[in-house]
N, C-alpha and C. Protein backbone atom coordinates (compact mmCIF):
# COMPACT_ATOMS: atom_id res chain seq x y z
N MET A 1 -54.15 -42.31 39.23
CA MET A 1 -54.33 -41.39 40.34
C MET A 1 -55.00 -40.12 39.84
N SER A 2 -56.05 -39.71 40.49
CA SER A 2 -56.74 -38.48 40.10
C SER A 2 -56.15 -37.30 40.85
N SER A 3 -56.53 -36.11 40.44
CA SER A 3 -56.04 -34.89 41.09
C SER A 3 -56.81 -34.63 42.38
N ALA A 4 -56.11 -34.06 43.35
CA ALA A 4 -56.74 -33.68 44.61
C ALA A 4 -56.46 -32.20 44.86
N GLU A 5 -57.49 -31.48 45.28
CA GLU A 5 -57.34 -30.07 45.61
C GLU A 5 -57.13 -29.93 47.11
N LEU A 6 -56.04 -29.25 47.49
CA LEU A 6 -55.66 -29.13 48.89
C LEU A 6 -55.58 -27.65 49.27
N ARG A 7 -55.96 -27.36 50.51
CA ARG A 7 -55.90 -25.99 51.03
C ARG A 7 -55.49 -26.03 52.49
N TYR A 8 -55.04 -24.88 52.98
CA TYR A 8 -54.79 -24.75 54.41
C TYR A 8 -56.13 -24.65 55.12
N PRO A 9 -56.28 -25.29 56.28
CA PRO A 9 -57.55 -25.25 57.01
C PRO A 9 -57.90 -23.82 57.44
N ARG A 10 -59.19 -23.51 57.38
CA ARG A 10 -59.65 -22.17 57.76
C ARG A 10 -59.25 -21.80 59.18
N GLN A 11 -59.37 -22.75 60.11
CA GLN A 11 -59.05 -22.43 61.51
C GLN A 11 -57.58 -22.04 61.65
N THR A 12 -56.69 -22.67 60.91
CA THR A 12 -55.27 -22.32 60.94
C THR A 12 -55.06 -20.93 60.37
N LEU A 13 -55.71 -20.65 59.24
CA LEU A 13 -55.58 -19.34 58.62
C LEU A 13 -56.12 -18.23 59.51
N TRP A 14 -57.29 -18.45 60.12
CA TRP A 14 -57.88 -17.42 60.97
C TRP A 14 -57.02 -17.17 62.20
N ALA A 15 -56.43 -18.22 62.75
CA ALA A 15 -55.52 -18.03 63.90
C ALA A 15 -54.31 -17.19 63.48
N ASP A 16 -53.78 -17.46 62.28
CA ASP A 16 -52.66 -16.66 61.77
C ASP A 16 -53.08 -15.21 61.49
N TYR A 17 -54.28 -15.02 60.96
CA TYR A 17 -54.78 -13.66 60.74
C TYR A 17 -54.88 -12.91 62.07
N MET A 18 -55.35 -13.58 63.10
CA MET A 18 -55.50 -12.95 64.42
C MET A 18 -54.12 -12.58 65.00
N ARG A 19 -53.16 -13.50 64.91
CA ARG A 19 -51.82 -13.22 65.42
C ARG A 19 -51.18 -12.06 64.67
N ALA A 20 -51.28 -12.07 63.34
CA ALA A 20 -50.68 -11.01 62.53
C ALA A 20 -51.35 -9.66 62.80
N SER A 21 -52.65 -9.66 62.89
CA SER A 21 -53.38 -8.41 63.15
C SER A 21 -53.04 -7.85 64.53
N ALA A 22 -52.96 -8.72 65.52
CA ALA A 22 -52.60 -8.28 66.87
C ALA A 22 -51.20 -7.68 66.88
N GLY A 23 -50.27 -8.30 66.18
CA GLY A 23 -48.91 -7.79 66.10
C GLY A 23 -48.82 -6.44 65.40
N VAL A 24 -49.55 -6.33 64.28
CA VAL A 24 -49.58 -5.05 63.55
C VAL A 24 -50.16 -3.96 64.45
N LEU A 25 -51.24 -4.28 65.13
CA LEU A 25 -51.89 -3.30 66.01
C LEU A 25 -51.00 -2.92 67.20
N LEU A 26 -50.43 -3.91 67.87
CA LEU A 26 -49.61 -3.64 69.05
C LEU A 26 -48.32 -2.89 68.71
N CYS A 27 -47.79 -3.11 67.50
CA CYS A 27 -46.58 -2.38 67.11
C CYS A 27 -46.90 -1.05 66.43
N GLY A 28 -48.01 -0.99 65.72
CA GLY A 28 -48.35 0.23 64.99
C GLY A 28 -49.03 1.29 65.82
N ALA A 29 -49.88 0.89 66.76
CA ALA A 29 -50.63 1.86 67.57
C ALA A 29 -49.72 2.80 68.37
N PRO A 30 -48.70 2.29 69.06
CA PRO A 30 -47.82 3.21 69.79
C PRO A 30 -47.13 4.22 68.87
N LEU A 31 -46.80 3.79 67.65
CA LEU A 31 -46.16 4.71 66.72
C LEU A 31 -47.09 5.86 66.32
N LEU A 32 -48.37 5.56 66.22
CA LEU A 32 -49.34 6.57 65.82
C LEU A 32 -49.85 7.40 66.99
N LEU A 33 -49.97 6.79 68.16
CA LEU A 33 -50.64 7.45 69.27
C LEU A 33 -49.72 8.04 70.34
N LEU A 34 -48.49 7.59 70.39
CA LEU A 34 -47.59 8.04 71.46
C LEU A 34 -46.34 8.68 70.88
N ASP A 35 -45.72 9.50 71.70
CA ASP A 35 -44.44 10.09 71.33
C ASP A 35 -43.35 9.17 71.88
N VAL A 36 -42.81 8.28 71.02
CA VAL A 36 -41.81 7.32 71.46
C VAL A 36 -40.43 7.77 71.02
N ASN A 37 -39.40 7.40 71.80
CA ASN A 37 -38.05 7.80 71.40
C ASN A 37 -37.64 7.06 70.14
N ARG A 38 -36.60 7.54 69.52
CA ARG A 38 -36.18 7.04 68.21
C ARG A 38 -35.86 5.55 68.25
N TRP A 39 -35.16 5.05 69.28
CA TRP A 39 -34.76 3.64 69.33
C TRP A 39 -35.95 2.71 69.52
N LEU A 40 -36.87 3.11 70.34
CA LEU A 40 -38.09 2.33 70.52
C LEU A 40 -38.91 2.34 69.23
N ALA A 41 -38.90 3.47 68.54
CA ALA A 41 -39.60 3.55 67.26
C ALA A 41 -39.02 2.57 66.25
N TYR A 42 -37.70 2.42 66.21
CA TYR A 42 -37.07 1.45 65.29
C TYR A 42 -37.52 0.03 65.60
N VAL A 43 -37.56 -0.30 66.89
CA VAL A 43 -37.99 -1.63 67.30
C VAL A 43 -39.46 -1.86 66.91
N LEU A 44 -40.30 -0.86 67.16
CA LEU A 44 -41.73 -0.99 66.82
C LEU A 44 -41.93 -1.07 65.31
N ILE A 45 -41.17 -0.29 64.55
CA ILE A 45 -41.28 -0.34 63.08
C ILE A 45 -40.86 -1.73 62.58
N ALA A 46 -39.77 -2.27 63.13
CA ALA A 46 -39.32 -3.61 62.73
C ALA A 46 -40.40 -4.64 63.05
N GLY A 47 -40.99 -4.56 64.24
CA GLY A 47 -42.07 -5.48 64.60
C GLY A 47 -43.28 -5.32 63.70
N PHE A 48 -43.64 -4.07 63.43
CA PHE A 48 -44.77 -3.79 62.54
C PHE A 48 -44.55 -4.42 61.17
N LEU A 49 -43.35 -4.21 60.60
CA LEU A 49 -43.05 -4.77 59.28
C LEU A 49 -43.06 -6.30 59.29
N LEU A 50 -42.53 -6.88 60.34
CA LEU A 50 -42.52 -8.34 60.46
C LEU A 50 -43.94 -8.90 60.50
N PHE A 51 -44.80 -8.31 61.34
CA PHE A 51 -46.18 -8.79 61.42
C PHE A 51 -46.97 -8.48 60.15
N ALA A 52 -46.66 -7.36 59.50
CA ALA A 52 -47.32 -7.03 58.23
C ALA A 52 -46.97 -8.06 57.16
N LEU A 53 -45.70 -8.48 57.11
CA LEU A 53 -45.29 -9.52 56.16
C LEU A 53 -45.98 -10.84 56.46
N PHE A 54 -46.11 -11.16 57.74
CA PHE A 54 -46.81 -12.37 58.14
C PHE A 54 -48.28 -12.31 57.72
N LEU A 55 -48.88 -11.14 57.81
CA LEU A 55 -50.27 -10.95 57.38
C LEU A 55 -50.40 -11.16 55.87
N VAL A 56 -49.46 -10.62 55.10
CA VAL A 56 -49.46 -10.80 53.64
C VAL A 56 -49.27 -12.28 53.30
N ARG A 57 -48.34 -12.95 53.98
CA ARG A 57 -48.10 -14.38 53.74
C ARG A 57 -49.36 -15.20 54.02
N THR A 58 -50.05 -14.86 55.09
CA THR A 58 -51.29 -15.56 55.44
C THR A 58 -52.35 -15.34 54.36
N ALA A 59 -52.47 -14.12 53.86
CA ALA A 59 -53.43 -13.83 52.79
C ALA A 59 -53.09 -14.61 51.53
N LEU A 60 -51.80 -14.72 51.20
CA LEU A 60 -51.39 -15.51 50.03
C LEU A 60 -51.75 -16.98 50.21
N ARG A 61 -51.52 -17.52 51.40
CA ARG A 61 -51.90 -18.91 51.68
C ARG A 61 -53.40 -19.10 51.55
N HIS A 62 -54.15 -18.12 52.01
CA HIS A 62 -55.61 -18.20 51.96
C HIS A 62 -56.10 -18.25 50.51
N GLN A 63 -55.42 -17.55 49.63
CA GLN A 63 -55.85 -17.46 48.23
C GLN A 63 -55.25 -18.56 47.36
N THR A 64 -54.38 -19.39 47.91
CA THR A 64 -53.72 -20.42 47.11
C THR A 64 -54.33 -21.79 47.35
N ARG A 65 -54.59 -22.48 46.28
CA ARG A 65 -55.00 -23.88 46.37
C ARG A 65 -53.92 -24.71 45.70
N TYR A 66 -53.70 -25.88 46.23
CA TYR A 66 -52.68 -26.79 45.70
C TYR A 66 -53.39 -27.94 45.03
N VAL A 67 -52.98 -28.24 43.80
CA VAL A 67 -53.58 -29.34 43.07
C VAL A 67 -52.50 -30.42 42.92
N LEU A 68 -52.73 -31.52 43.62
CA LEU A 68 -51.81 -32.66 43.59
C LEU A 68 -52.30 -33.62 42.53
N GLY A 69 -51.54 -33.73 41.45
CA GLY A 69 -51.91 -34.61 40.36
C GLY A 69 -50.88 -35.71 40.17
N PRO A 70 -51.15 -36.62 39.26
CA PRO A 70 -50.23 -37.73 39.04
C PRO A 70 -48.88 -37.28 38.48
N ASP A 71 -48.85 -36.14 37.76
CA ASP A 71 -47.62 -35.68 37.13
C ASP A 71 -47.07 -34.38 37.71
N THR A 72 -47.90 -33.66 38.49
CA THR A 72 -47.49 -32.34 38.97
C THR A 72 -48.07 -32.01 40.34
N LEU A 73 -47.47 -31.02 40.97
CA LEU A 73 -48.06 -30.31 42.09
C LEU A 73 -48.14 -28.87 41.65
N CYS A 74 -49.34 -28.34 41.60
CA CYS A 74 -49.54 -26.97 41.13
C CYS A 74 -50.01 -26.11 42.29
N ALA A 75 -49.31 -25.01 42.53
CA ALA A 75 -49.74 -24.01 43.52
C ALA A 75 -50.47 -22.94 42.72
N ASP A 76 -51.79 -22.98 42.79
CA ASP A 76 -52.63 -22.08 42.00
C ASP A 76 -53.07 -20.91 42.87
N GLY A 77 -52.43 -19.76 42.67
CA GLY A 77 -52.74 -18.58 43.46
C GLY A 77 -51.90 -17.41 42.98
N PRO A 78 -51.89 -16.31 43.74
CA PRO A 78 -51.15 -15.12 43.33
C PRO A 78 -49.66 -15.35 43.06
N ALA A 79 -49.03 -16.21 43.83
CA ALA A 79 -47.60 -16.50 43.63
C ALA A 79 -47.45 -17.94 43.16
N GLY A 80 -48.32 -18.36 42.27
CA GLY A 80 -48.39 -19.76 41.86
C GLY A 80 -47.19 -20.24 41.09
N THR A 81 -46.97 -21.53 41.18
CA THR A 81 -45.92 -22.21 40.44
C THR A 81 -46.29 -23.69 40.32
N MET A 82 -45.47 -24.44 39.62
CA MET A 82 -45.77 -25.85 39.41
C MET A 82 -44.49 -26.66 39.50
N VAL A 83 -44.61 -27.84 40.09
CA VAL A 83 -43.50 -28.79 40.16
C VAL A 83 -43.91 -30.02 39.35
N GLU A 84 -43.05 -30.39 38.40
CA GLU A 84 -43.29 -31.61 37.62
C GLU A 84 -42.54 -32.75 38.30
N TRP A 85 -43.25 -33.80 38.66
CA TRP A 85 -42.63 -34.91 39.38
C TRP A 85 -41.50 -35.55 38.58
N ALA A 86 -41.65 -35.66 37.28
CA ALA A 86 -40.62 -36.30 36.45
C ALA A 86 -39.35 -35.45 36.38
N ARG A 87 -39.45 -34.15 36.66
CA ARG A 87 -38.30 -33.25 36.60
C ARG A 87 -37.86 -32.75 37.97
N LEU A 88 -38.36 -33.39 39.03
CA LEU A 88 -38.01 -32.97 40.39
C LEU A 88 -36.49 -33.01 40.56
N ASP A 89 -35.91 -31.91 41.04
CA ASP A 89 -34.47 -31.89 41.23
C ASP A 89 -34.04 -31.46 42.64
N ARG A 90 -35.03 -31.13 43.50
CA ARG A 90 -34.69 -30.80 44.88
C ARG A 90 -35.86 -31.10 45.80
N LEU A 91 -35.52 -31.60 46.96
CA LEU A 91 -36.51 -31.92 47.99
C LEU A 91 -35.84 -31.71 49.34
N LYS A 92 -36.46 -30.91 50.17
CA LYS A 92 -35.96 -30.69 51.52
C LYS A 92 -37.15 -30.73 52.47
N LEU A 93 -37.08 -31.61 53.47
CA LEU A 93 -38.11 -31.72 54.48
C LEU A 93 -37.49 -31.34 55.81
N SER A 94 -37.96 -30.23 56.38
CA SER A 94 -37.39 -29.69 57.61
C SER A 94 -38.39 -29.82 58.75
N TYR A 95 -37.86 -30.00 59.95
CA TYR A 95 -38.68 -30.04 61.15
C TYR A 95 -38.31 -28.86 62.04
N PHE A 96 -39.31 -28.13 62.50
CA PHE A 96 -39.11 -26.99 63.38
C PHE A 96 -39.80 -27.29 64.70
N SER A 97 -39.01 -27.40 65.74
CA SER A 97 -39.55 -27.75 67.05
C SER A 97 -40.00 -26.51 67.80
N THR A 98 -41.09 -26.66 68.54
CA THR A 98 -41.58 -25.57 69.38
C THR A 98 -41.31 -25.83 70.85
N LYS A 99 -40.77 -27.01 71.15
CA LYS A 99 -40.43 -27.36 72.53
C LYS A 99 -39.00 -27.86 72.59
N ARG A 100 -38.38 -27.63 73.70
CA ARG A 100 -36.98 -28.02 73.89
C ARG A 100 -36.79 -29.53 73.68
N ASP A 101 -37.77 -30.34 74.10
CA ASP A 101 -37.63 -31.79 73.98
C ASP A 101 -38.06 -32.31 72.60
N ARG A 102 -38.35 -31.39 71.67
CA ARG A 102 -38.71 -31.70 70.27
C ARG A 102 -39.99 -32.54 70.17
N SER A 103 -40.86 -32.45 71.19
CA SER A 103 -42.08 -33.25 71.19
C SER A 103 -43.21 -32.57 70.41
N ASP A 104 -43.02 -31.33 70.03
CA ASP A 104 -44.05 -30.63 69.28
C ASP A 104 -43.38 -29.70 68.28
N GLY A 105 -44.04 -29.49 67.15
CA GLY A 105 -43.49 -28.63 66.12
C GLY A 105 -44.22 -28.84 64.81
N TRP A 106 -43.61 -28.40 63.73
CA TRP A 106 -44.21 -28.57 62.41
C TRP A 106 -43.12 -28.88 61.40
N MET A 107 -43.54 -29.38 60.25
CA MET A 107 -42.62 -29.70 59.17
C MET A 107 -42.89 -28.77 58.00
N GLN A 108 -41.82 -28.53 57.23
CA GLN A 108 -41.94 -27.74 56.01
C GLN A 108 -41.28 -28.50 54.88
N LEU A 109 -41.99 -28.61 53.77
CA LEU A 109 -41.47 -29.27 52.58
C LEU A 109 -41.17 -28.21 51.53
N SER A 110 -39.97 -28.28 50.98
CA SER A 110 -39.59 -27.40 49.88
C SER A 110 -39.18 -28.30 48.72
N ILE A 111 -39.88 -28.17 47.59
CA ILE A 111 -39.59 -29.00 46.41
C ILE A 111 -39.54 -28.12 45.17
N GLY A 112 -38.80 -28.56 44.19
CA GLY A 112 -38.73 -27.82 42.94
C GLY A 112 -38.34 -28.74 41.80
N SER A 113 -38.68 -28.31 40.61
CA SER A 113 -38.29 -29.05 39.42
C SER A 113 -37.48 -28.14 38.51
N THR A 114 -36.75 -28.74 37.63
CA THR A 114 -35.84 -28.03 36.74
C THR A 114 -36.51 -26.82 36.10
N GLY A 115 -35.88 -25.67 36.25
CA GLY A 115 -36.36 -24.46 35.61
C GLY A 115 -37.50 -23.75 36.32
N GLY A 116 -37.96 -24.26 37.43
CA GLY A 116 -39.10 -23.65 38.12
C GLY A 116 -38.75 -23.18 39.52
N ARG A 117 -39.62 -22.37 40.07
CA ARG A 117 -39.47 -21.92 41.45
C ARG A 117 -39.86 -23.05 42.40
N ALA A 118 -39.36 -22.97 43.60
CA ALA A 118 -39.68 -23.98 44.61
C ALA A 118 -41.09 -23.75 45.15
N VAL A 119 -41.73 -24.84 45.53
CA VAL A 119 -43.01 -24.79 46.24
C VAL A 119 -42.71 -25.16 47.68
N LYS A 120 -43.18 -24.32 48.61
CA LYS A 120 -43.00 -24.60 50.04
C LYS A 120 -44.37 -24.74 50.67
N VAL A 121 -44.55 -25.83 51.39
CA VAL A 121 -45.79 -26.06 52.14
C VAL A 121 -45.41 -26.57 53.51
N ASP A 122 -46.29 -26.32 54.49
CA ASP A 122 -45.99 -26.85 55.81
C ASP A 122 -47.06 -27.86 56.23
N SER A 123 -46.78 -28.51 57.34
CA SER A 123 -47.58 -29.66 57.75
C SER A 123 -49.00 -29.32 58.17
N SER A 124 -49.36 -28.04 58.25
CA SER A 124 -50.76 -27.70 58.56
C SER A 124 -51.64 -27.79 57.30
N LEU A 125 -51.04 -27.91 56.12
CA LEU A 125 -51.79 -28.04 54.88
C LEU A 125 -52.52 -29.38 54.85
N ASP A 126 -53.81 -29.36 54.57
CA ASP A 126 -54.55 -30.61 54.40
C ASP A 126 -53.90 -31.39 53.25
N GLY A 127 -53.60 -32.67 53.48
CA GLY A 127 -52.98 -33.49 52.44
C GLY A 127 -51.47 -33.39 52.40
N PHE A 128 -50.87 -32.79 53.42
CA PHE A 128 -49.41 -32.63 53.47
C PHE A 128 -48.70 -33.97 53.32
N HIS A 129 -49.16 -34.98 54.05
CA HIS A 129 -48.52 -36.30 53.99
C HIS A 129 -48.54 -36.85 52.57
N ASP A 130 -49.65 -36.67 51.86
CA ASP A 130 -49.76 -37.16 50.47
C ASP A 130 -48.74 -36.48 49.57
N ILE A 131 -48.55 -35.17 49.76
CA ILE A 131 -47.58 -34.44 48.94
C ILE A 131 -46.17 -34.93 49.24
N VAL A 132 -45.84 -35.09 50.52
CA VAL A 132 -44.51 -35.55 50.90
C VAL A 132 -44.25 -36.94 50.34
N GLU A 133 -45.24 -37.81 50.45
CA GLU A 133 -45.09 -39.18 49.94
C GLU A 133 -44.86 -39.17 48.43
N ARG A 134 -45.63 -38.37 47.71
CA ARG A 134 -45.48 -38.29 46.24
C ARG A 134 -44.13 -37.69 45.87
N ALA A 135 -43.70 -36.68 46.60
CA ALA A 135 -42.40 -36.05 46.34
C ALA A 135 -41.26 -37.03 46.62
N ALA A 136 -41.38 -37.82 47.68
CA ALA A 136 -40.35 -38.81 48.01
C ALA A 136 -40.24 -39.86 46.91
N ARG A 137 -41.38 -40.30 46.38
CA ARG A 137 -41.37 -41.28 45.28
C ARG A 137 -40.70 -40.67 44.03
N ALA A 138 -41.01 -39.41 43.75
CA ALA A 138 -40.41 -38.74 42.59
C ALA A 138 -38.91 -38.56 42.79
N ALA A 139 -38.49 -38.21 44.00
CA ALA A 139 -37.07 -38.04 44.29
C ALA A 139 -36.33 -39.37 44.15
N GLU A 140 -36.97 -40.44 44.60
CA GLU A 140 -36.38 -41.76 44.49
C GLU A 140 -36.24 -42.16 43.02
N ALA A 141 -37.29 -41.92 42.24
CA ALA A 141 -37.27 -42.28 40.82
C ALA A 141 -36.25 -41.44 40.05
N GLY A 142 -36.10 -40.18 40.44
CA GLY A 142 -35.17 -39.29 39.75
C GLY A 142 -33.78 -39.27 40.33
N ASP A 143 -33.54 -40.13 41.32
CA ASP A 143 -32.23 -40.24 41.97
C ASP A 143 -31.76 -38.89 42.52
N VAL A 144 -32.69 -38.17 43.15
CA VAL A 144 -32.38 -36.87 43.76
C VAL A 144 -31.68 -37.10 45.09
N ALA A 145 -30.56 -36.41 45.29
CA ALA A 145 -29.82 -36.54 46.55
C ALA A 145 -30.62 -35.89 47.68
N LEU A 146 -30.75 -36.61 48.79
CA LEU A 146 -31.48 -36.11 49.96
C LEU A 146 -30.52 -36.00 51.13
N SER A 147 -30.66 -34.92 51.87
CA SER A 147 -29.82 -34.74 53.06
C SER A 147 -30.19 -35.75 54.13
N GLU A 148 -29.30 -35.93 55.08
CA GLU A 148 -29.57 -36.85 56.18
C GLU A 148 -30.78 -36.37 56.99
N ALA A 149 -30.88 -35.05 57.20
CA ALA A 149 -32.01 -34.49 57.95
C ALA A 149 -33.33 -34.78 57.23
N THR A 150 -33.34 -34.62 55.92
CA THR A 150 -34.55 -34.91 55.14
C THR A 150 -34.92 -36.38 55.25
N ARG A 151 -33.95 -37.26 55.15
CA ARG A 151 -34.21 -38.71 55.27
C ARG A 151 -34.75 -39.05 56.66
N THR A 152 -34.19 -38.43 57.69
CA THR A 152 -34.66 -38.66 59.06
C THR A 152 -36.10 -38.20 59.21
N ASN A 153 -36.42 -37.03 58.65
CA ASN A 153 -37.78 -36.51 58.75
C ASN A 153 -38.76 -37.34 57.94
N LEU A 154 -38.34 -37.85 56.79
CA LEU A 154 -39.19 -38.76 56.01
C LEU A 154 -39.48 -40.02 56.82
N ARG A 155 -38.43 -40.55 57.43
CA ARG A 155 -38.58 -41.77 58.23
C ARG A 155 -39.55 -41.53 59.39
N SER A 156 -39.49 -40.33 60.01
CA SER A 156 -40.39 -40.04 61.13
C SER A 156 -41.85 -39.96 60.68
N MET A 157 -42.06 -39.73 59.37
CA MET A 157 -43.42 -39.71 58.83
C MET A 157 -43.84 -41.09 58.32
N GLY A 158 -42.95 -42.07 58.45
CA GLY A 158 -43.26 -43.42 57.99
C GLY A 158 -43.02 -43.62 56.50
N ILE A 159 -42.21 -42.76 55.90
CA ILE A 159 -41.92 -42.84 54.46
C ILE A 159 -40.46 -43.25 54.30
N SER A 160 -40.25 -44.35 53.60
CA SER A 160 -38.87 -44.79 53.37
C SER A 160 -38.52 -44.61 51.90
N VAL A 161 -37.27 -44.26 51.68
CA VAL A 161 -36.75 -44.13 50.31
C VAL A 161 -35.48 -44.93 50.21
N ALA A 162 -35.12 -45.30 48.98
CA ALA A 162 -33.92 -46.08 48.77
C ALA A 162 -32.70 -45.35 49.34
N GLY A 163 -31.83 -46.10 49.99
CA GLY A 163 -30.62 -45.52 50.55
C GLY A 163 -30.76 -45.18 52.02
N GLN A 164 -31.97 -45.27 52.57
CA GLN A 164 -32.17 -44.93 53.99
C GLN A 164 -31.56 -45.99 54.89
N GLU A 165 -31.49 -47.20 54.41
CA GLU A 165 -30.99 -48.28 55.25
C GLU A 165 -29.58 -47.98 55.72
N GLU A 166 -28.76 -47.30 54.88
CA GLU A 166 -27.40 -47.01 55.24
C GLU A 166 -27.32 -46.07 56.43
N LEU A 167 -28.36 -45.21 56.60
CA LEU A 167 -28.33 -44.20 57.66
C LEU A 167 -28.93 -44.71 58.96
N ALA A 168 -29.66 -45.79 58.88
CA ALA A 168 -30.37 -46.29 60.07
C ALA A 168 -29.42 -46.88 61.09
């Protein structure tokens, strides 16, 4: 297996930049231009900080490339880290619904190996399925315990791991 370079799609990043910028502007402008009472100022400051953090997170995603190799997943960027498949010790696949009937949403994968920081990626990343599949194989080989929610989410992606039959 050769290495693959993966990134978040530009359209996704630009949409996030637009949302974050709009939030920063809508929360920051009243603080600068209007005389707001103290309680409203606290709410606007909290919103401003939240959108500013989202803007920073988007910039970090923009600058990070993920290299999926046969032995590792490397997040190469300002907050970079690496997961060694042979030393994988945690895997969590979460689903976040945007609709009450759970018909739409996104997934987030959090993985880590012994002694390293976790790598978190979400389903908008190009090659997300490949990373999840490789992580599931490594978890299976390393006998990593997986939660029922993670197993259910793997199954929904068409990925089966040993021990899933008991939960079906």
